[in-house]
Amino acid sequence: MTDMFDKCATDAGYFGRFRAAGDRFFTLPVIDDLPGPHMKFQGQDNIMWSVNNYIGLAGNEEIKQAALEATEKWSVSSPMGSRMMSGSTSQGEQRRKTHGAFLPSQRHERSGIRTQKR
């Protein structure tokens, strides 16, 4: 069986020639800052779109405090990933009902899953 990551050690794939040349800009960049919407990379300010903090809320002190309190209460191993596979909590279900009241939705015909209209 072939390892799907074998190509990462070759010049194959979209960024292969960059990897083969030892590039550190397009492949495996080392950033100078904490991940956020703006970061220093190789001494220059850059807009960063490929992190989960592209709008900058992760550095907000109020959000960080709320995250700490939630971690203390619920731990970091609550159901993760797909609810279909790992389940949900009663609090999560309540949140979905509360927030769902503000979003238009439709029931998926086959599964009965409610989806947001676009």
N, C-alpha and C. Protein backbone atom coordinates (compact mmCIF):
# COMPACT_ATOMS: atom_id res chain seq x y z
N MET A 1 0.84 -1.18 0.00
CA MET A 1 0.00 0.00 0.00
C MET A 1 0.89 1.24 0.00
N THR A 2 0.57 2.19 -0.84
CA THR A 2 1.34 3.43 -0.96
C THR A 2 0.92 4.42 0.12
N ASP A 3 1.90 5.04 0.73
CA ASP A 3 1.62 6.07 1.72
C ASP A 3 1.21 7.35 0.99
N MET A 4 0.07 7.90 1.35
CA MET A 4 -0.42 9.08 0.64
C MET A 4 0.48 10.31 0.82
N PHE A 5 1.37 10.27 1.80
CA PHE A 5 2.26 11.40 2.04
C PHE A 5 3.64 11.21 1.40
N ASP A 6 3.86 10.11 0.69
CA ASP A 6 5.15 9.89 0.03
C ASP A 6 5.51 11.04 -0.89
N LYS A 7 4.52 11.60 -1.58
CA LYS A 7 4.80 12.69 -2.52
C LYS A 7 5.37 13.93 -1.83
N CYS A 8 5.19 14.04 -0.51
CA CYS A 8 5.71 15.20 0.21
C CYS A 8 7.23 15.20 0.28
N ALA A 9 7.84 14.08 0.02
CA ALA A 9 9.30 13.99 0.05
C ALA A 9 9.89 13.99 -1.36
N THR A 10 9.07 14.25 -2.37
CA THR A 10 9.53 14.24 -3.76
C THR A 10 9.23 15.59 -4.41
N ASP A 11 9.54 15.66 -5.70
CA ASP A 11 9.20 16.87 -6.44
C ASP A 11 7.85 16.72 -7.15
N ALA A 12 7.04 15.75 -6.72
CA ALA A 12 5.72 15.54 -7.31
C ALA A 12 4.71 16.50 -6.70
N GLY A 13 3.59 16.62 -7.36
CA GLY A 13 2.51 17.45 -6.83
C GLY A 13 2.66 18.91 -7.17
N TYR A 14 1.67 19.66 -6.77
CA TYR A 14 1.60 21.08 -7.13
C TYR A 14 2.81 21.88 -6.64
N PHE A 15 3.24 21.64 -5.41
CA PHE A 15 4.37 22.38 -4.85
C PHE A 15 5.67 21.60 -4.88
N GLY A 16 5.70 20.51 -5.63
CA GLY A 16 6.86 19.63 -5.66
C GLY A 16 8.16 20.32 -6.01
N ARG A 17 8.14 21.16 -7.03
CA ARG A 17 9.40 21.82 -7.42
C ARG A 17 9.89 22.77 -6.34
N PHE A 18 8.96 23.35 -5.58
CA PHE A 18 9.38 24.22 -4.47
C PHE A 18 10.03 23.39 -3.36
N ARG A 19 9.41 22.23 -3.04
CA ARG A 19 9.99 21.35 -2.02
C ARG A 19 11.37 20.88 -2.45
N ALA A 20 11.49 20.46 -3.70
CA ALA A 20 12.77 19.94 -4.21
C ALA A 20 13.86 21.01 -4.16
N ALA A 21 13.47 22.27 -4.31
CA ALA A 21 14.44 23.37 -4.27
C ALA A 21 14.71 23.85 -2.85
N GLY A 22 14.05 23.24 -1.86
CA GLY A 22 14.26 23.65 -0.48
C GLY A 22 13.53 24.93 -0.12
N ASP A 23 12.51 25.27 -0.88
CA ASP A 23 11.74 26.49 -0.65
C ASP A 23 11.12 26.50 0.74
N ARG A 24 11.15 27.65 1.40
CA ARG A 24 10.50 27.81 2.70
C ARG A 24 9.48 28.94 2.66
N PHE A 25 9.11 29.38 1.47
CA PHE A 25 8.07 30.40 1.34
C PHE A 25 6.72 29.75 1.05
N PHE A 26 6.68 28.91 0.02
CA PHE A 26 5.43 28.24 -0.34
C PHE A 26 5.24 26.92 0.39
N THR A 27 6.32 26.29 0.82
CA THR A 27 6.21 25.01 1.52
C THR A 27 6.92 25.10 2.86
N LEU A 28 6.23 24.72 3.90
CA LEU A 28 6.76 24.71 5.27
C LEU A 28 7.33 26.05 5.71
N PRO A 29 6.59 27.15 5.52
CA PRO A 29 7.10 28.44 5.98
C PRO A 29 7.19 28.49 7.50
N VAL A 30 8.16 29.21 8.00
CA VAL A 30 8.30 29.43 9.44
C VAL A 30 7.91 30.88 9.70
N ILE A 31 6.83 31.07 10.46
CA ILE A 31 6.32 32.41 10.69
C ILE A 31 6.97 33.03 11.92
N ASP A 32 7.01 34.36 11.95
CA ASP A 32 7.66 35.09 13.04
C ASP A 32 6.71 35.48 14.16
N ASP A 33 5.41 35.32 13.97
CA ASP A 33 4.39 35.77 14.91
C ASP A 33 3.46 34.64 15.30
N LEU A 34 2.55 34.96 16.23
CA LEU A 34 1.44 34.06 16.50
C LEU A 34 0.49 34.11 15.31
N PRO A 35 -0.15 32.99 14.98
CA PRO A 35 -1.09 33.01 13.86
C PRO A 35 -2.22 34.01 14.10
N GLY A 36 -2.50 34.81 13.11
CA GLY A 36 -3.56 35.80 13.19
C GLY A 36 -3.85 36.35 11.81
N PRO A 37 -4.72 37.36 11.72
CA PRO A 37 -5.07 37.90 10.41
C PRO A 37 -3.91 38.65 9.75
N HIS A 38 -3.00 39.18 10.55
CA HIS A 38 -1.79 39.84 10.05
C HIS A 38 -0.62 39.20 10.78
N MET A 39 0.40 38.82 10.02
CA MET A 39 1.55 38.15 10.63
C MET A 39 2.82 38.61 9.95
N LYS A 40 3.91 38.54 10.70
CA LYS A 40 5.21 38.81 10.10
C LYS A 40 5.77 37.49 9.58
N PHE A 41 6.26 37.56 8.36
CA PHE A 41 6.89 36.40 7.73
C PHE A 41 8.10 36.91 6.97
N GLN A 42 9.25 36.37 7.30
CA GLN A 42 10.51 36.81 6.72
C GLN A 42 10.67 38.33 6.83
N GLY A 43 10.26 38.85 8.01
CA GLY A 43 10.44 40.27 8.30
C GLY A 43 9.41 41.20 7.69
N GLN A 44 8.47 40.68 6.93
CA GLN A 44 7.48 41.53 6.29
C GLN A 44 6.09 41.26 6.85
N ASP A 45 5.27 42.33 6.93
CA ASP A 45 3.88 42.16 7.34
C ASP A 45 3.09 41.53 6.20
N ASN A 46 2.27 40.55 6.54
CA ASN A 46 1.45 39.85 5.55
C ASN A 46 0.05 39.66 6.08
N ILE A 47 -0.91 39.61 5.17
CA ILE A 47 -2.26 39.21 5.52
C ILE A 47 -2.29 37.69 5.45
N MET A 48 -2.81 37.06 6.48
CA MET A 48 -2.83 35.59 6.55
C MET A 48 -4.25 35.09 6.43
N TRP A 49 -4.52 34.27 5.43
CA TRP A 49 -5.86 33.73 5.20
C TRP A 49 -5.95 32.26 5.54
N SER A 50 -4.85 31.59 5.80
CA SER A 50 -4.90 30.13 5.94
C SER A 50 -4.88 29.64 7.38
N VAL A 51 -5.24 30.48 8.32
CA VAL A 51 -5.35 30.05 9.71
C VAL A 51 -6.79 30.25 10.17
N ASN A 52 -7.15 29.61 11.24
CA ASN A 52 -8.51 29.73 11.75
C ASN A 52 -8.72 30.98 12.59
N ASN A 53 -7.85 31.95 12.43
CA ASN A 53 -7.98 33.22 13.14
C ASN A 53 -7.93 34.38 12.15
N TYR A 54 -8.47 34.19 10.96
CA TYR A 54 -8.35 35.20 9.92
C TYR A 54 -9.13 36.47 10.21
N ILE A 55 -10.08 36.45 11.17
CA ILE A 55 -10.75 37.70 11.54
C ILE A 55 -10.24 38.25 12.86
N GLY A 56 -9.27 37.57 13.47
CA GLY A 56 -8.58 38.11 14.61
C GLY A 56 -9.23 37.96 15.97
N LEU A 57 -10.24 37.13 16.10
CA LEU A 57 -10.94 37.01 17.38
C LEU A 57 -10.17 36.17 18.40
N ALA A 58 -9.25 35.34 17.97
CA ALA A 58 -8.55 34.47 18.91
C ALA A 58 -7.70 35.25 19.91
N GLY A 59 -7.32 36.46 19.58
CA GLY A 59 -6.53 37.27 20.50
C GLY A 59 -7.37 38.14 21.42
N ASN A 60 -8.67 38.14 21.25
CA ASN A 60 -9.57 38.95 22.06
C ASN A 60 -9.60 38.42 23.49
N GLU A 61 -9.30 39.28 24.46
CA GLU A 61 -9.19 38.84 25.86
C GLU A 61 -10.49 38.26 26.39
N GLU A 62 -11.62 38.85 26.03
CA GLU A 62 -12.92 38.34 26.49
C GLU A 62 -13.18 36.93 25.94
N ILE A 63 -12.84 36.72 24.69
CA ILE A 63 -13.03 35.40 24.08
C ILE A 63 -12.06 34.39 24.69
N LYS A 64 -10.82 34.81 24.92
CA LYS A 64 -9.85 33.90 25.54
C LYS A 64 -10.30 33.48 26.94
N GLN A 65 -10.85 34.43 27.70
CA GLN A 65 -11.34 34.12 29.05
C GLN A 65 -12.52 33.16 28.98
N ALA A 66 -13.44 33.40 28.05
CA ALA A 66 -14.60 32.51 27.89
C ALA A 66 -14.14 31.11 27.48
N ALA A 67 -13.12 31.03 26.64
CA ALA A 67 -12.59 29.72 26.23
C ALA A 67 -11.97 28.99 27.42
N LEU A 68 -11.25 29.71 28.27
CA LEU A 68 -10.67 29.10 29.47
C LEU A 68 -11.76 28.57 30.40
N GLU A 69 -12.79 29.37 30.60
CA GLU A 69 -13.89 28.95 31.48
C GLU A 69 -14.61 27.73 30.90
N ALA A 70 -14.83 27.72 29.60
CA ALA A 70 -15.49 26.57 28.96
C ALA A 70 -14.62 25.33 29.07
N THR A 71 -13.30 25.49 28.93
CA THR A 71 -12.39 24.36 29.05
C THR A 71 -12.40 23.80 30.46
N GLU A 72 -12.40 24.70 31.46
CA GLU A 72 -12.45 24.23 32.85
C GLU A 72 -13.74 23.47 33.12
N LYS A 73 -14.84 23.93 32.55
CA LYS A 73 -16.13 23.30 32.80
C LYS A 73 -16.32 22.02 31.98
N TRP A 74 -15.97 22.05 30.70
CA TRP A 74 -16.31 20.95 29.80
C TRP A 74 -15.11 20.11 29.37
N SER A 75 -13.90 20.51 29.64
CA SER A 75 -12.65 19.89 29.20
C SER A 75 -12.45 20.12 27.71
N VAL A 76 -11.41 19.55 27.17
CA VAL A 76 -11.14 19.71 25.74
C VAL A 76 -11.51 18.46 24.95
N SER A 77 -12.12 17.50 25.61
CA SER A 77 -12.42 16.24 24.92
C SER A 77 -13.92 16.01 24.75
N SER A 78 -14.68 17.10 24.69
CA SER A 78 -16.11 16.96 24.41
C SER A 78 -16.26 16.37 23.02
N PRO A 79 -17.46 15.94 22.64
CA PRO A 79 -17.61 15.39 21.29
C PRO A 79 -17.02 16.34 20.25
N MET A 80 -16.19 15.78 19.36
CA MET A 80 -15.54 16.58 18.33
C MET A 80 -15.86 15.99 16.96
N GLY A 81 -15.67 16.79 15.95
CA GLY A 81 -15.89 16.31 14.59
C GLY A 81 -17.37 16.25 14.27
N SER A 82 -17.71 15.31 13.44
CA SER A 82 -19.09 15.17 12.97
C SER A 82 -20.01 14.71 14.09
N ARG A 83 -21.12 15.43 14.27
CA ARG A 83 -22.10 15.01 15.28
C ARG A 83 -22.67 13.65 14.94
N MET A 84 -22.77 13.34 13.65
CA MET A 84 -23.31 12.06 13.24
C MET A 84 -22.46 10.91 13.77
N MET A 85 -21.14 11.12 13.85
CA MET A 85 -20.23 10.06 14.28
C MET A 85 -19.95 10.07 15.78
N SER A 86 -19.76 11.27 16.36
CA SER A 86 -19.33 11.33 17.75
C SER A 86 -20.38 11.85 18.71
N GLY A 87 -21.55 12.17 18.20
CA GLY A 87 -22.62 12.59 19.09
C GLY A 87 -22.58 14.07 19.40
N SER A 88 -23.38 14.46 20.36
CA SER A 88 -23.51 15.85 20.74
C SER A 88 -23.81 15.91 22.24
N THR A 89 -23.82 17.09 22.79
CA THR A 89 -24.21 17.27 24.18
C THR A 89 -25.57 17.95 24.22
N SER A 90 -26.26 17.83 25.34
CA SER A 90 -27.56 18.50 25.45
C SER A 90 -27.39 20.02 25.36
N GLN A 91 -26.25 20.53 25.85
CA GLN A 91 -25.99 21.96 25.75
C GLN A 91 -25.80 22.37 24.29
N GLY A 92 -25.12 21.54 23.52
CA GLY A 92 -24.95 21.83 22.10
C GLY A 92 -26.27 21.84 21.36
N GLU A 93 -27.14 20.89 21.70
CA GLU A 93 -28.46 20.86 21.08
C GLU A 93 -29.25 22.12 21.41
N GLN A 94 -29.18 22.55 22.67
CA GLN A 94 -29.89 23.77 23.07
C GLN A 94 -29.35 24.98 22.33
N ARG A 95 -28.02 25.07 22.19
CA ARG A 95 -27.41 26.17 21.45
C ARG A 95 -27.89 26.19 20.00
N ARG A 96 -27.94 25.02 19.38
CA ARG A 96 -28.41 24.97 17.99
C ARG A 96 -29.85 25.44 17.87
N LYS A 97 -30.68 25.08 18.84
CA LYS A 97 -32.08 25.53 18.80
C LYS A 97 -32.16 27.05 18.98
N THR A 98 -31.39 27.57 19.93
CA THR A 98 -31.40 29.01 20.20
C THR A 98 -30.89 29.78 19.00
N HIS A 99 -29.72 29.39 18.48
CA HIS A 99 -29.13 30.10 17.35
C HIS A 99 -29.93 29.85 16.07
N GLY A 100 -30.48 28.67 15.95
CA GLY A 100 -31.24 28.32 14.75
C GLY A 100 -32.48 29.16 14.56
N ALA A 101 -32.99 29.72 15.65
CA ALA A 101 -34.17 30.57 15.54
C ALA A 101 -33.89 31.83 14.72
N PHE A 102 -32.61 32.20 14.59
CA PHE A 102 -32.24 33.40 13.86
C PHE A 102 -31.86 33.12 12.41
N LEU A 103 -31.75 31.84 12.05
CA LEU A 103 -31.29 31.47 10.71
C LEU A 103 -32.40 30.78 9.92
N PRO A 104 -32.62 31.19 8.67
CA PRO A 104 -33.57 30.44 7.86
C PRO A 104 -32.99 29.06 7.57
N SER A 105 -33.82 28.05 7.58
CA SER A 105 -33.31 26.70 7.34
C SER A 105 -34.33 25.88 6.59
N GLN A 106 -33.87 24.75 6.10
CA GLN A 106 -34.75 23.80 5.42
C GLN A 106 -34.34 22.40 5.84
N ARG A 107 -35.28 21.50 5.82
CA ARG A 107 -34.99 20.13 6.22
C ARG A 107 -34.52 19.36 4.99
N HIS A 108 -33.35 18.72 5.10
CA HIS A 108 -32.84 17.91 3.99
C HIS A 108 -33.79 16.74 3.79
N GLU A 109 -34.23 16.53 2.57
CA GLU A 109 -35.29 15.56 2.31
C GLU A 109 -34.96 14.14 2.74
N ARG A 110 -33.74 13.68 2.52
CA ARG A 110 -33.40 12.29 2.84
C ARG A 110 -33.10 12.07 4.31
N SER A 111 -32.26 12.93 4.87
CA SER A 111 -31.73 12.65 6.21
C SER A 111 -32.53 13.30 7.33
N GLY A 112 -33.33 14.29 7.01
CA GLY A 112 -34.02 15.02 8.06
C GLY A 112 -33.14 16.06 8.72
N ILE A 113 -31.91 16.23 8.23
CA ILE A 113 -30.98 17.20 8.80
C ILE A 113 -31.37 18.60 8.31
N ARG A 114 -31.41 19.53 9.25
CA ARG A 114 -31.73 20.91 8.88
C ARG A 114 -30.47 21.59 8.37
N THR A 115 -30.59 22.28 7.25
CA THR A 115 -29.46 22.98 6.68
C THR A 115 -29.82 24.43 6.48
N GLN A 116 -28.83 25.30 6.56
CA GLN A 116 -29.06 26.72 6.37
C GLN A 116 -29.27 27.01 4.89
N LYS A 117 -30.27 27.82 4.57
CA LYS A 117 -30.47 28.24 3.18
C LYS A 117 -29.40 29.24 2.82
N ARG A 118 -28.94 29.18 1.59
CA ARG A 118 -27.92 30.13 1.12
C ARG A 118 -28.55 31.13 0.20
